Amino acid sequence: MCLNKVSSKTPPTQVVEKAALANSDLGPGTIVFDADGNSSHFHQKIMDKFPGLEAGGGYELLLYQRGGLEKGFHRLEPPFTPGRVKEVASQAQVYIRPLQKDLQLKAPAVDAT
């Protein structure tokens, strides 16, 4: 899932937030990487899945811990390769957050009926 705000401290929880991200092609999804892919391959797959992320001035990968003393996002350190991210994140959902600039969300579609 790609977050749209540089300042995001938690994953979206409300249906409206999730729908806005999904309608803007930033919502949850799966990316399939080549097992032997390098960091360039990894970056290209991220950009293919979330093209709007290009406007964010870079990105960081995060894991989210829901409770306890260490609740919150935890940054994954580069280099980002498919094997390394799989090793660190295992089956957990990885969040992508823009570094420099919030991403614009598409306006919701208006029902004309």
N, C-alpha and C. Protein backbone atom coordinates (compact mmCIF):
# COMPACT_ATOMS: atom_id res chain seq x y z
N MET A 1 0.85 -1.17 0.00
CA MET A 1 0.00 0.00 0.00
C MET A 1 0.89 1.23 0.00
N CYS A 2 0.54 2.18 -0.81
CA CYS A 2 1.27 3.43 -0.87
C CYS A 2 0.48 4.50 -0.11
N LEU A 3 1.12 5.15 0.81
CA LEU A 3 0.50 6.25 1.56
C LEU A 3 0.65 7.52 0.73
N ASN A 4 -0.20 8.49 0.95
CA ASN A 4 -0.10 9.70 0.14
C ASN A 4 0.53 10.88 0.88
N LYS A 5 0.72 10.79 2.18
CA LYS A 5 1.25 11.93 2.93
C LYS A 5 2.61 11.63 3.53
N VAL A 6 3.49 12.60 3.41
CA VAL A 6 4.83 12.51 4.00
C VAL A 6 4.73 12.34 5.51
N SER A 7 3.72 12.93 6.10
CA SER A 7 3.56 12.94 7.56
C SER A 7 2.74 11.78 8.11
N SER A 8 2.37 10.81 7.27
CA SER A 8 1.55 9.68 7.73
C SER A 8 2.22 8.96 8.89
N LYS A 9 1.50 8.83 9.99
CA LYS A 9 2.03 8.15 11.19
C LYS A 9 1.40 6.78 11.41
N THR A 10 0.25 6.55 10.76
CA THR A 10 -0.44 5.27 10.88
C THR A 10 -1.03 4.90 9.52
N PRO A 11 -1.28 3.62 9.29
CA PRO A 11 -1.96 3.23 8.06
C PRO A 11 -3.39 3.75 8.07
N PRO A 12 -4.00 3.92 6.91
CA PRO A 12 -5.39 4.35 6.88
C PRO A 12 -6.30 3.30 7.50
N THR A 13 -7.27 3.76 8.27
CA THR A 13 -8.19 2.82 8.92
C THR A 13 -9.63 3.03 8.47
N GLN A 14 -9.97 4.23 8.06
CA GLN A 14 -11.34 4.52 7.66
C GLN A 14 -11.56 4.13 6.20
N VAL A 15 -12.77 3.66 5.92
CA VAL A 15 -13.12 3.24 4.57
C VAL A 15 -12.92 4.37 3.58
N VAL A 16 -13.24 5.59 3.96
CA VAL A 16 -13.09 6.75 3.07
C VAL A 16 -11.63 6.94 2.68
N GLU A 17 -10.73 6.82 3.66
CA GLU A 17 -9.30 6.97 3.37
C GLU A 17 -8.81 5.86 2.44
N LYS A 18 -9.19 4.64 2.75
CA LYS A 18 -8.77 3.51 1.93
C LYS A 18 -9.31 3.62 0.51
N ALA A 19 -10.57 4.04 0.38
CA ALA A 19 -11.17 4.19 -0.94
C ALA A 19 -10.48 5.30 -1.74
N ALA A 20 -10.15 6.40 -1.08
CA ALA A 20 -9.46 7.49 -1.77
C ALA A 20 -8.09 7.04 -2.29
N LEU A 21 -7.37 6.27 -1.49
CA LEU A 21 -6.08 5.74 -1.94
C LEU A 21 -6.27 4.77 -3.10
N ALA A 22 -7.24 3.87 -2.97
CA ALA A 22 -7.48 2.89 -4.02
C ALA A 22 -7.91 3.57 -5.33
N ASN A 23 -8.77 4.58 -5.23
CA ASN A 23 -9.23 5.31 -6.43
C ASN A 23 -8.11 6.10 -7.08
N SER A 24 -7.06 6.38 -6.33
CA SER A 24 -5.91 7.13 -6.85
C SER A 24 -4.76 6.20 -7.22
N ASP A 25 -5.04 4.90 -7.33
CA ASP A 25 -4.03 3.89 -7.67
C ASP A 25 -2.90 3.84 -6.66
N LEU A 26 -3.21 4.08 -5.39
CA LEU A 26 -2.22 4.00 -4.32
C LEU A 26 -2.58 2.95 -3.28
N GLY A 27 -3.70 2.31 -3.46
CA GLY A 27 -4.20 1.38 -2.46
C GLY A 27 -3.45 0.07 -2.42
N PRO A 28 -3.95 -0.87 -1.62
CA PRO A 28 -3.27 -2.15 -1.46
C PRO A 28 -3.17 -2.90 -2.78
N GLY A 29 -2.13 -3.67 -2.87
CA GLY A 29 -1.93 -4.47 -4.06
C GLY A 29 -0.73 -5.37 -3.88
N THR A 30 -0.52 -6.20 -4.85
CA THR A 30 0.60 -7.13 -4.83
C THR A 30 1.55 -6.78 -5.96
N ILE A 31 2.83 -6.85 -5.67
CA ILE A 31 3.85 -6.65 -6.68
C ILE A 31 4.67 -7.93 -6.73
N VAL A 32 4.83 -8.49 -7.92
CA VAL A 32 5.62 -9.70 -8.09
C VAL A 32 6.98 -9.30 -8.64
N PHE A 33 8.02 -9.66 -7.90
CA PHE A 33 9.39 -9.35 -8.28
C PHE A 33 10.09 -10.60 -8.77
N ASP A 34 11.09 -10.41 -9.64
CA ASP A 34 11.97 -11.52 -10.00
C ASP A 34 12.80 -11.85 -8.78
N ALA A 35 12.94 -13.12 -8.49
CA ALA A 35 13.66 -13.55 -7.28
C ALA A 35 15.10 -13.04 -7.25
N ASP A 36 15.72 -12.93 -8.41
CA ASP A 36 17.11 -12.49 -8.47
C ASP A 36 17.23 -11.02 -8.87
N GLY A 37 16.13 -10.27 -8.75
CA GLY A 37 16.13 -8.86 -9.14
C GLY A 37 17.03 -8.01 -8.25
N ASN A 38 17.55 -6.95 -8.84
CA ASN A 38 18.41 -6.02 -8.09
C ASN A 38 17.61 -4.81 -7.65
N SER A 39 18.27 -3.82 -7.06
CA SER A 39 17.56 -2.65 -6.56
C SER A 39 16.93 -1.83 -7.68
N SER A 40 17.54 -1.82 -8.85
CA SER A 40 16.96 -1.11 -9.99
C SER A 40 15.65 -1.77 -10.43
N HIS A 41 15.65 -3.09 -10.49
CA HIS A 41 14.44 -3.86 -10.82
C HIS A 41 13.37 -3.60 -9.77
N PHE A 42 13.75 -3.61 -8.50
CA PHE A 42 12.82 -3.36 -7.40
C PHE A 42 12.17 -1.99 -7.56
N HIS A 43 12.99 -0.95 -7.78
CA HIS A 43 12.48 0.42 -7.93
C HIS A 43 11.52 0.51 -9.12
N GLN A 44 11.87 -0.11 -10.23
CA GLN A 44 11.03 -0.03 -11.42
C GLN A 44 9.67 -0.68 -11.19
N LYS A 45 9.65 -1.81 -10.49
CA LYS A 45 8.38 -2.47 -10.18
C LYS A 45 7.50 -1.61 -9.28
N ILE A 46 8.11 -0.91 -8.32
CA ILE A 46 7.37 0.00 -7.44
C ILE A 46 6.76 1.13 -8.27
N MET A 47 7.55 1.71 -9.17
CA MET A 47 7.06 2.82 -10.01
C MET A 47 5.98 2.35 -10.98
N ASP A 48 6.09 1.12 -11.48
CA ASP A 48 5.06 0.59 -12.37
C ASP A 48 3.73 0.43 -11.64
N LYS A 49 3.79 -0.03 -10.39
CA LYS A 49 2.57 -0.25 -9.61
C LYS A 49 1.96 1.06 -9.11
N PHE A 50 2.81 1.99 -8.70
CA PHE A 50 2.35 3.27 -8.14
C PHE A 50 2.98 4.43 -8.92
N PRO A 51 2.53 4.70 -10.15
CA PRO A 51 3.17 5.75 -10.96
C PRO A 51 3.08 7.14 -10.33
N GLY A 52 2.06 7.40 -9.53
CA GLY A 52 1.93 8.70 -8.87
C GLY A 52 3.01 8.96 -7.84
N LEU A 53 3.68 7.91 -7.41
CA LEU A 53 4.74 8.02 -6.41
C LEU A 53 5.93 8.82 -6.94
N GLU A 54 6.07 8.89 -8.24
CA GLU A 54 7.16 9.64 -8.88
C GLU A 54 7.19 11.09 -8.39
N ALA A 55 6.01 11.67 -8.13
CA ALA A 55 5.92 13.07 -7.70
C ALA A 55 6.29 13.27 -6.24
N GLY A 56 6.52 12.21 -5.49
CA GLY A 56 6.78 12.31 -4.06
C GLY A 56 8.20 12.63 -3.66
N GLY A 57 9.11 12.69 -4.63
CA GLY A 57 10.50 13.02 -4.30
C GLY A 57 11.21 11.90 -3.56
N GLY A 58 10.99 10.68 -4.00
CA GLY A 58 11.58 9.52 -3.34
C GLY A 58 10.56 8.87 -2.43
N TYR A 59 10.96 7.75 -1.85
CA TYR A 59 10.03 7.03 -0.98
C TYR A 59 10.83 6.23 0.04
N GLU A 60 10.11 5.82 1.07
CA GLU A 60 10.69 4.92 2.05
C GLU A 60 9.73 3.75 2.25
N LEU A 61 10.29 2.62 2.61
CA LEU A 61 9.49 1.42 2.89
C LEU A 61 9.36 1.27 4.39
N LEU A 62 8.15 0.93 4.82
CA LEU A 62 7.85 0.86 6.25
C LEU A 62 7.09 -0.39 6.60
N LEU A 63 7.31 -0.86 7.80
CA LEU A 63 6.48 -1.89 8.40
C LEU A 63 5.74 -1.22 9.56
N TYR A 64 4.54 -1.70 9.88
CA TYR A 64 3.77 -1.08 10.95
C TYR A 64 3.54 -2.08 12.07
N GLN A 65 3.88 -1.68 13.28
CA GLN A 65 3.60 -2.48 14.46
C GLN A 65 2.39 -1.88 15.15
N ARG A 66 1.35 -2.68 15.32
CA ARG A 66 0.07 -2.19 15.82
C ARG A 66 0.00 -1.95 17.32
N GLY A 67 0.83 -2.54 18.10
CA GLY A 67 0.71 -2.35 19.54
C GLY A 67 2.05 -2.46 20.26
N GLY A 68 1.98 -2.27 21.57
CA GLY A 68 3.19 -2.39 22.38
C GLY A 68 3.98 -1.11 22.45
N LEU A 69 5.14 -1.20 23.06
CA LEU A 69 5.99 -0.03 23.24
C LEU A 69 6.54 0.52 21.93
N GLU A 70 6.67 -0.34 20.95
CA GLU A 70 7.24 0.08 19.67
C GLU A 70 6.18 0.27 18.60
N LYS A 71 4.97 0.63 19.02
CA LYS A 71 3.86 0.86 18.09
C LYS A 71 4.24 1.94 17.09
N GLY A 72 3.86 1.72 15.84
CA GLY A 72 4.09 2.73 14.80
C GLY A 72 4.85 2.17 13.62
N PHE A 73 5.21 3.06 12.70
CA PHE A 73 5.96 2.67 11.51
C PHE A 73 7.43 2.47 11.86
N HIS A 74 8.01 1.50 11.20
CA HIS A 74 9.44 1.22 11.33
C HIS A 74 10.03 1.17 9.93
N ARG A 75 11.02 1.97 9.71
CA ARG A 75 11.62 2.13 8.38
C ARG A 75 12.52 0.95 8.04
N LEU A 76 12.39 0.46 6.81
CA LEU A 76 13.30 -0.54 6.30
C LEU A 76 14.49 0.19 5.69
N GLU A 77 15.66 -0.27 5.96
CA GLU A 77 16.87 0.38 5.45
C GLU A 77 17.23 -0.17 4.08
N PRO A 78 17.68 0.71 3.17
CA PRO A 78 18.15 0.23 1.87
C PRO A 78 19.43 -0.57 2.04
N PRO A 79 19.84 -1.33 1.08
CA PRO A 79 19.33 -1.39 -0.30
C PRO A 79 18.05 -2.21 -0.37
N PHE A 80 17.19 -1.82 -1.29
CA PHE A 80 15.94 -2.52 -1.50
C PHE A 80 16.09 -3.48 -2.67
N THR A 81 16.14 -4.74 -2.36
CA THR A 81 16.12 -5.79 -3.38
C THR A 81 15.01 -6.75 -2.98
N PRO A 82 14.44 -7.46 -3.94
CA PRO A 82 13.36 -8.39 -3.59
C PRO A 82 13.74 -9.36 -2.47
N GLY A 83 14.92 -9.93 -2.57
CA GLY A 83 15.34 -10.91 -1.56
C GLY A 83 15.49 -10.30 -0.18
N ARG A 84 16.08 -9.12 -0.12
CA ARG A 84 16.30 -8.47 1.17
C ARG A 84 14.99 -8.04 1.83
N VAL A 85 14.09 -7.45 1.05
CA VAL A 85 12.80 -7.02 1.61
C VAL A 85 11.99 -8.23 2.06
N LYS A 86 12.03 -9.31 1.30
CA LYS A 86 11.33 -10.54 1.69
C LYS A 86 11.91 -11.09 3.00
N GLU A 87 13.22 -11.03 3.13
CA GLU A 87 13.88 -11.52 4.34
C GLU A 87 13.47 -10.70 5.56
N VAL A 88 13.42 -9.40 5.42
CA VAL A 88 13.11 -8.52 6.55
C VAL A 88 11.62 -8.48 6.85
N ALA A 89 10.79 -8.37 5.81
CA ALA A 89 9.35 -8.19 6.01
C ALA A 89 8.58 -9.51 6.10
N SER A 90 9.12 -10.56 5.53
CA SER A 90 8.46 -11.87 5.49
C SER A 90 7.06 -11.71 4.88
N GLN A 91 5.99 -12.02 5.63
CA GLN A 91 4.63 -11.95 5.11
C GLN A 91 3.92 -10.65 5.49
N ALA A 92 4.61 -9.75 6.19
CA ALA A 92 3.99 -8.50 6.63
C ALA A 92 3.71 -7.56 5.46
N GLN A 93 2.70 -6.73 5.63
CA GLN A 93 2.41 -5.72 4.61
C GLN A 93 3.45 -4.62 4.69
N VAL A 94 3.97 -4.23 3.54
CA VAL A 94 4.95 -3.16 3.46
C VAL A 94 4.23 -1.91 2.98
N TYR A 95 4.45 -0.81 3.68
CA TYR A 95 3.86 0.47 3.31
C TYR A 95 4.93 1.31 2.63
N ILE A 96 4.51 2.10 1.65
CA ILE A 96 5.41 2.98 0.93
C ILE A 96 4.96 4.41 1.20
N ARG A 97 5.87 5.24 1.70
CA ARG A 97 5.53 6.62 2.05
C ARG A 97 6.43 7.57 1.27
N PRO A 98 5.83 8.60 0.63
CA PRO A 98 6.66 9.57 -0.09
C PRO A 98 7.55 10.33 0.89
N LEU A 99 8.71 10.75 0.41
CA LEU A 99 9.68 11.41 1.29
C LEU A 99 9.55 12.93 1.34
N GLN A 100 9.34 13.58 0.20
CA GLN A 100 9.44 15.03 0.16
C GLN A 100 8.12 15.77 -0.06
N LYS A 101 7.18 15.13 -0.73
CA LYS A 101 5.97 15.85 -1.13
C LYS A 101 4.76 14.92 -1.05
N ASP A 102 3.65 15.43 -0.49
CA ASP A 102 2.41 14.66 -0.44
C ASP A 102 1.94 14.36 -1.86
N LEU A 103 1.35 13.20 -2.04
CA LEU A 103 0.81 12.81 -3.34
C LEU A 103 -0.64 13.26 -3.44
N GLN A 104 -1.02 13.75 -4.59
CA GLN A 104 -2.39 14.20 -4.82
C GLN A 104 -3.32 13.02 -5.01
N LEU A 105 -4.46 13.08 -4.37
CA LEU A 105 -5.48 12.06 -4.56
C LEU A 105 -6.44 12.53 -5.64
N LYS A 106 -6.95 11.59 -6.42
CA LYS A 106 -7.94 11.91 -7.45
C LYS A 106 -9.25 12.26 -6.77
N ALA A 107 -9.97 13.21 -7.37
CA ALA A 107 -11.28 13.58 -6.83
C ALA A 107 -12.22 12.39 -6.99
N PRO A 108 -13.09 12.18 -6.00
CA PRO A 108 -14.03 11.05 -6.12
C PRO A 108 -14.97 11.24 -7.29
N ALA A 109 -15.34 10.13 -7.90
CA ALA A 109 -16.30 10.18 -9.02
C ALA A 109 -17.66 10.60 -8.50
N VAL A 110 -18.35 11.41 -9.27
CA VAL A 110 -19.67 11.90 -8.88
C VAL A 110 -20.72 11.08 -9.62
N ASP A 111 -21.68 10.55 -8.89
CA ASP A 111 -22.75 9.77 -9.48
C ASP A 111 -23.75 10.73 -10.11
N ALA A 112 -23.96 10.61 -11.41
CA ALA A 112 -24.83 11.52 -12.15
C ALA A 112 -26.30 11.12 -12.12
N THR A 113 -26.64 10.04 -11.42
CA THR A 113 -28.05 9.62 -11.43
C THR A 113 -28.85 10.34 -10.39
